[in-house]
């Protein structure tokens, strides 16, 4: 199992547009081999910006790498245009190999 996350700092006043961009996108993730799930997470507001994280779960790192190299990835990211001033810095990628997992009862 592989988890891919991107952290975003979104300037105050741009949160609704940022969330709408994600809701309205054509992700094409569900057609990718090894794709297990996606979540957009909303974190704390520090008074200037709000933390968000995109979270995708993959069967393997190889499946994630295949997504990143695919035409579907290029198409999905070409349409992800946020209004100028949305981001308070660059997104930060973090990738994790799952070493322990406990299922909910």
N, C-alpha and C. Protein backbone atom coordinates (compact mmCIF):
# COMPACT_ATOMS: atom_id res chain seq x y z
N UNK A 1 0.86 -1.18 0.00
CA UNK A 1 0.00 0.00 0.00
C UNK A 1 0.90 1.23 0.00
N UNK A 2 0.50 2.26 -0.75
CA UNK A 2 1.24 3.51 -0.83
C UNK A 2 0.27 4.68 -0.66
N UNK A 3 0.64 5.66 0.14
CA UNK A 3 -0.16 6.86 0.37
C UNK A 3 0.59 8.04 -0.23
N UNK A 4 -0.10 8.81 -1.07
CA UNK A 4 0.48 10.02 -1.66
C UNK A 4 -0.33 11.21 -1.15
N UNK A 5 0.40 12.19 -0.58
CA UNK A 5 -0.27 13.37 -0.04
C UNK A 5 0.41 14.63 -0.56
N UNK A 6 -0.39 15.64 -0.81
CA UNK A 6 0.11 16.97 -1.11
C UNK A 6 -0.50 17.92 -0.10
N UNK A 7 0.36 18.73 0.53
CA UNK A 7 -0.13 19.75 1.47
C UNK A 7 -0.17 21.09 0.75
N UNK A 8 -1.25 21.83 0.98
CA UNK A 8 -1.46 23.13 0.36
C UNK A 8 -1.78 24.15 1.46
N UNK A 9 -1.21 25.32 1.39
CA UNK A 9 -1.61 26.45 2.23
C UNK A 9 -2.39 27.37 1.32
N UNK A 10 -3.66 27.62 1.69
CA UNK A 10 -4.57 28.42 0.87
C UNK A 10 -4.86 29.72 1.60
N UNK A 11 -4.62 30.83 0.91
CA UNK A 11 -4.85 32.15 1.50
C UNK A 11 -6.31 32.33 1.88
N UNK A 12 -6.53 33.07 2.97
CA UNK A 12 -7.90 33.36 3.41
C UNK A 12 -8.69 34.01 2.27
N UNK A 13 -9.94 33.60 2.17
CA UNK A 13 -10.82 34.13 1.14
C UNK A 13 -10.83 33.31 -0.13
N UNK A 14 -9.91 32.36 -0.27
CA UNK A 14 -9.83 31.53 -1.47
C UNK A 14 -10.26 30.08 -1.21
N UNK A 15 -10.67 29.80 0.01
CA UNK A 15 -10.99 28.42 0.38
C UNK A 15 -12.13 27.84 -0.46
N UNK A 16 -13.21 28.59 -0.64
CA UNK A 16 -14.36 28.07 -1.40
C UNK A 16 -13.99 27.76 -2.84
N UNK A 17 -13.22 28.64 -3.48
CA UNK A 17 -12.80 28.42 -4.86
C UNK A 17 -11.88 27.21 -4.96
N UNK A 18 -10.99 27.04 -3.98
CA UNK A 18 -10.08 25.90 -3.97
C UNK A 18 -10.87 24.60 -3.84
N UNK A 19 -11.81 24.56 -2.92
CA UNK A 19 -12.62 23.36 -2.74
C UNK A 19 -13.47 23.08 -3.98
N UNK A 20 -14.02 24.11 -4.60
CA UNK A 20 -14.84 23.93 -5.81
C UNK A 20 -13.99 23.37 -6.95
N UNK A 21 -12.75 23.84 -7.06
CA UNK A 21 -11.86 23.34 -8.10
C UNK A 21 -11.69 21.82 -7.97
N UNK A 22 -11.54 21.34 -6.75
CA UNK A 22 -11.39 19.91 -6.53
C UNK A 22 -12.69 19.16 -6.78
N UNK A 23 -13.82 19.73 -6.33
CA UNK A 23 -15.11 19.05 -6.52
C UNK A 23 -15.48 18.91 -7.99
N UNK A 24 -15.13 19.92 -8.79
CA UNK A 24 -15.57 19.98 -10.18
C UNK A 24 -14.58 19.37 -11.17
N UNK A 25 -13.44 18.90 -10.68
CA UNK A 25 -12.43 18.36 -11.58
C UNK A 25 -12.85 17.01 -12.15
N UNK A 26 -12.25 16.66 -13.27
CA UNK A 26 -12.41 15.33 -13.85
C UNK A 26 -11.13 14.56 -13.52
N UNK A 27 -11.14 13.86 -12.41
CA UNK A 27 -9.89 13.30 -11.88
C UNK A 27 -9.37 12.11 -12.68
N UNK A 28 -10.23 11.26 -13.18
CA UNK A 28 -9.86 10.05 -13.91
C UNK A 28 -9.13 9.03 -13.03
N UNK A 29 -9.08 9.29 -11.73
CA UNK A 29 -8.38 8.37 -10.83
C UNK A 29 -9.03 6.99 -10.80
N UNK A 30 -10.36 6.95 -10.81
CA UNK A 30 -11.04 5.66 -10.66
C UNK A 30 -10.77 4.70 -11.81
N UNK A 31 -10.24 5.19 -12.92
CA UNK A 31 -9.90 4.33 -14.05
C UNK A 31 -8.47 3.80 -13.99
N UNK A 32 -7.71 4.25 -13.00
CA UNK A 32 -6.30 3.88 -12.91
C UNK A 32 -6.12 2.58 -12.12
N UNK A 33 -5.34 1.64 -12.66
CA UNK A 33 -5.05 0.41 -11.92
C UNK A 33 -4.38 0.73 -10.58
N UNK A 34 -4.83 0.08 -9.53
CA UNK A 34 -4.23 0.24 -8.22
C UNK A 34 -4.77 1.39 -7.39
N UNK A 35 -5.64 2.22 -7.97
CA UNK A 35 -6.21 3.33 -7.20
C UNK A 35 -7.20 2.79 -6.19
N UNK A 36 -7.04 3.19 -4.91
CA UNK A 36 -7.90 2.70 -3.83
C UNK A 36 -8.80 3.76 -3.23
N UNK A 37 -8.43 5.04 -3.31
CA UNK A 37 -9.28 6.06 -2.71
C UNK A 37 -8.64 7.44 -2.71
N UNK A 38 -9.48 8.46 -2.56
CA UNK A 38 -9.04 9.85 -2.54
C UNK A 38 -9.81 10.59 -1.44
N UNK A 39 -9.12 11.51 -0.80
CA UNK A 39 -9.76 12.42 0.17
C UNK A 39 -9.10 13.78 0.03
N UNK A 40 -9.90 14.83 0.16
CA UNK A 40 -9.37 16.18 0.31
C UNK A 40 -9.62 16.56 1.76
N UNK A 41 -8.56 16.87 2.48
CA UNK A 41 -8.63 17.14 3.91
C UNK A 41 -8.48 18.63 4.16
N UNK A 42 -9.26 19.15 5.10
CA UNK A 42 -9.23 20.56 5.47
C UNK A 42 -8.70 20.67 6.88
N UNK A 43 -7.62 21.44 7.04
CA UNK A 43 -6.96 21.54 8.33
C UNK A 43 -7.17 22.89 8.99
N UNK A 44 -6.21 23.25 9.83
CA UNK A 44 -6.31 24.45 10.66
C UNK A 44 -6.10 25.73 9.85
N UNK A 45 -6.73 26.78 10.35
CA UNK A 45 -6.57 28.14 9.84
C UNK A 45 -5.64 28.86 10.81
N UNK A 46 -4.54 29.43 10.29
CA UNK A 46 -3.59 30.12 11.15
C UNK A 46 -3.81 31.63 11.19
N UNK A 47 -4.92 32.09 10.65
CA UNK A 47 -5.22 33.52 10.62
C UNK A 47 -4.85 34.17 9.30
N UNK A 48 -3.97 33.54 8.54
CA UNK A 48 -3.58 34.04 7.22
C UNK A 48 -3.91 33.06 6.12
N UNK A 49 -3.82 31.77 6.43
CA UNK A 49 -4.09 30.74 5.44
C UNK A 49 -4.65 29.50 6.12
N UNK A 50 -5.21 28.61 5.31
CA UNK A 50 -5.75 27.34 5.82
C UNK A 50 -4.98 26.20 5.18
N UNK A 51 -4.71 25.18 5.98
CA UNK A 51 -4.02 23.99 5.50
C UNK A 51 -5.02 23.03 4.87
N UNK A 52 -4.68 22.51 3.71
CA UNK A 52 -5.43 21.43 3.06
C UNK A 52 -4.42 20.34 2.70
N UNK A 53 -4.91 19.12 2.55
CA UNK A 53 -4.09 18.02 2.06
C UNK A 53 -4.93 17.15 1.14
N UNK A 54 -4.35 16.79 0.00
CA UNK A 54 -4.97 15.77 -0.85
C UNK A 54 -4.33 14.44 -0.45
N UNK A 55 -5.12 13.41 -0.39
CA UNK A 55 -4.69 12.10 0.11
C UNK A 55 -5.19 11.05 -0.87
N UNK A 56 -4.26 10.35 -1.52
CA UNK A 56 -4.66 9.23 -2.37
C UNK A 56 -4.00 7.96 -1.86
N UNK A 57 -4.74 6.89 -1.96
CA UNK A 57 -4.27 5.58 -1.51
C UNK A 57 -4.17 4.68 -2.74
N UNK A 58 -3.02 4.00 -2.85
CA UNK A 58 -2.71 3.15 -4.00
C UNK A 58 -2.32 1.76 -3.54
N UNK A 59 -2.55 0.78 -4.37
CA UNK A 59 -2.17 -0.59 -4.05
C UNK A 59 -0.66 -0.71 -3.92
N UNK A 60 0.09 0.10 -4.70
CA UNK A 60 1.55 0.04 -4.65
C UNK A 60 2.14 1.37 -5.11
N UNK A 61 3.40 1.59 -4.79
CA UNK A 61 4.11 2.77 -5.27
C UNK A 61 4.19 2.74 -6.80
N UNK A 62 4.35 1.55 -7.37
CA UNK A 62 4.41 1.42 -8.83
C UNK A 62 3.12 1.90 -9.48
N UNK A 63 1.96 1.60 -8.86
CA UNK A 63 0.68 2.09 -9.39
C UNK A 63 0.62 3.61 -9.35
N UNK A 64 1.09 4.20 -8.25
CA UNK A 64 1.14 5.66 -8.15
C UNK A 64 2.06 6.25 -9.21
N UNK A 65 3.25 5.67 -9.37
CA UNK A 65 4.19 6.16 -10.37
C UNK A 65 3.59 6.07 -11.78
N UNK A 66 2.85 5.00 -12.07
CA UNK A 66 2.20 4.86 -13.37
C UNK A 66 1.18 5.98 -13.58
N UNK A 67 0.43 6.34 -12.52
CA UNK A 67 -0.51 7.47 -12.59
C UNK A 67 0.23 8.76 -12.91
N UNK A 68 1.31 9.01 -12.22
CA UNK A 68 2.08 10.26 -12.41
C UNK A 68 2.65 10.37 -13.82
N UNK A 69 2.88 9.25 -14.47
CA UNK A 69 3.45 9.25 -15.82
C UNK A 69 2.39 9.14 -16.91
N UNK A 70 1.12 9.10 -16.53
CA UNK A 70 0.04 8.85 -17.49
C UNK A 70 -0.48 10.12 -18.15
N UNK A 71 -1.11 9.94 -19.28
CA UNK A 71 -1.79 11.04 -19.96
C UNK A 71 -2.96 11.53 -19.10
N UNK A 72 -3.62 10.64 -18.39
CA UNK A 72 -4.73 11.03 -17.51
C UNK A 72 -4.25 12.01 -16.45
N UNK A 73 -3.05 11.80 -15.90
CA UNK A 73 -2.48 12.72 -14.91
C UNK A 73 -2.26 14.10 -15.54
N UNK A 74 -1.69 14.14 -16.74
CA UNK A 74 -1.44 15.42 -17.41
C UNK A 74 -2.75 16.16 -17.67
N UNK A 75 -3.76 15.43 -18.11
CA UNK A 75 -5.06 16.06 -18.39
C UNK A 75 -5.70 16.57 -17.10
N UNK A 76 -5.65 15.79 -16.05
CA UNK A 76 -6.27 16.19 -14.78
C UNK A 76 -5.60 17.44 -14.22
N UNK A 77 -4.28 17.52 -14.32
CA UNK A 77 -3.57 18.66 -13.76
C UNK A 77 -3.60 19.89 -14.67
N UNK A 78 -3.84 19.69 -15.94
CA UNK A 78 -3.95 20.84 -16.85
C UNK A 78 -5.20 21.64 -16.56
N UNK A 79 -6.25 20.99 -16.06
CA UNK A 79 -7.51 21.69 -15.78
C UNK A 79 -7.56 22.27 -14.37
N UNK A 80 -6.57 21.98 -13.53
CA UNK A 80 -6.58 22.42 -12.13
C UNK A 80 -5.98 23.82 -12.00
N UNK A 81 -6.69 24.80 -12.47
CA UNK A 81 -6.22 26.18 -12.42
C UNK A 81 -6.97 26.93 -11.33
N UNK A 82 -6.23 27.34 -10.33
CA UNK A 82 -6.82 28.11 -9.23
C UNK A 82 -6.64 29.60 -9.52
N UNK A 83 -7.54 30.44 -9.02
CA UNK A 83 -7.38 31.89 -9.21
C UNK A 83 -6.05 32.38 -8.64
N UNK A 84 -5.47 33.38 -9.28
CA UNK A 84 -4.23 33.96 -8.80
C UNK A 84 -4.41 34.44 -7.36
N UNK A 85 -3.43 34.16 -6.52
CA UNK A 85 -3.49 34.54 -5.11
C UNK A 85 -4.03 33.47 -4.20
N UNK A 86 -4.42 32.31 -4.77
CA UNK A 86 -4.98 31.23 -3.97
C UNK A 86 -3.95 30.62 -3.03
N UNK A 87 -2.78 30.33 -3.54
CA UNK A 87 -1.78 29.57 -2.79
C UNK A 87 -0.86 30.47 -1.98
N UNK A 88 -0.61 30.08 -0.74
CA UNK A 88 0.37 30.74 0.13
C UNK A 88 1.63 29.87 0.11
N UNK A 89 2.24 29.74 -1.04
CA UNK A 89 3.42 28.90 -1.20
C UNK A 89 3.12 27.71 -2.10
N UNK A 90 4.17 26.96 -2.40
CA UNK A 90 4.04 25.80 -3.28
C UNK A 90 3.48 24.59 -2.54
N UNK A 91 2.74 23.71 -3.24
CA UNK A 91 2.32 22.46 -2.61
C UNK A 91 3.54 21.64 -2.19
N UNK A 92 3.36 20.85 -1.15
CA UNK A 92 4.43 20.00 -0.63
C UNK A 92 3.98 18.55 -0.75
N UNK A 93 4.72 17.75 -1.54
CA UNK A 93 4.41 16.33 -1.72
C UNK A 93 5.04 15.51 -0.62
N UNK A 94 4.29 14.49 -0.17
CA UNK A 94 4.80 13.52 0.79
C UNK A 94 4.28 12.14 0.38
N UNK A 95 5.16 11.18 0.24
CA UNK A 95 4.77 9.81 -0.11
C UNK A 95 5.13 8.86 1.01
N UNK A 96 4.26 7.89 1.26
CA UNK A 96 4.44 6.97 2.38
C UNK A 96 4.15 5.53 1.95
N UNK A 97 5.06 4.64 2.27
CA UNK A 97 4.79 3.21 2.15
C UNK A 97 4.16 2.77 3.47
N UNK A 98 3.05 2.07 3.40
CA UNK A 98 2.35 1.62 4.60
C UNK A 98 3.13 0.45 5.20
N UNK A 99 3.48 0.57 6.47
CA UNK A 99 4.20 -0.50 7.16
C UNK A 99 3.33 -1.22 8.18
N UNK A 100 2.25 -0.59 8.60
CA UNK A 100 1.33 -1.20 9.56
C UNK A 100 -0.05 -0.64 9.29
N UNK A 101 -1.04 -1.50 9.27
CA UNK A 101 -2.41 -1.07 9.05
C UNK A 101 -3.33 -1.86 9.95
N UNK A 102 -4.24 -1.18 10.64
CA UNK A 102 -5.23 -1.82 11.48
C UNK A 102 -6.60 -1.41 10.99
N UNK A 103 -7.43 -2.37 10.65
CA UNK A 103 -8.75 -2.10 10.13
C UNK A 103 -9.71 -1.75 11.27
N UNK A 104 -10.69 -0.93 10.95
CA UNK A 104 -11.74 -0.63 11.92
C UNK A 104 -12.63 -1.85 12.08
N UNK A 105 -13.18 -2.06 13.28
CA UNK A 105 -14.03 -3.24 13.48
C UNK A 105 -15.32 -3.15 12.68
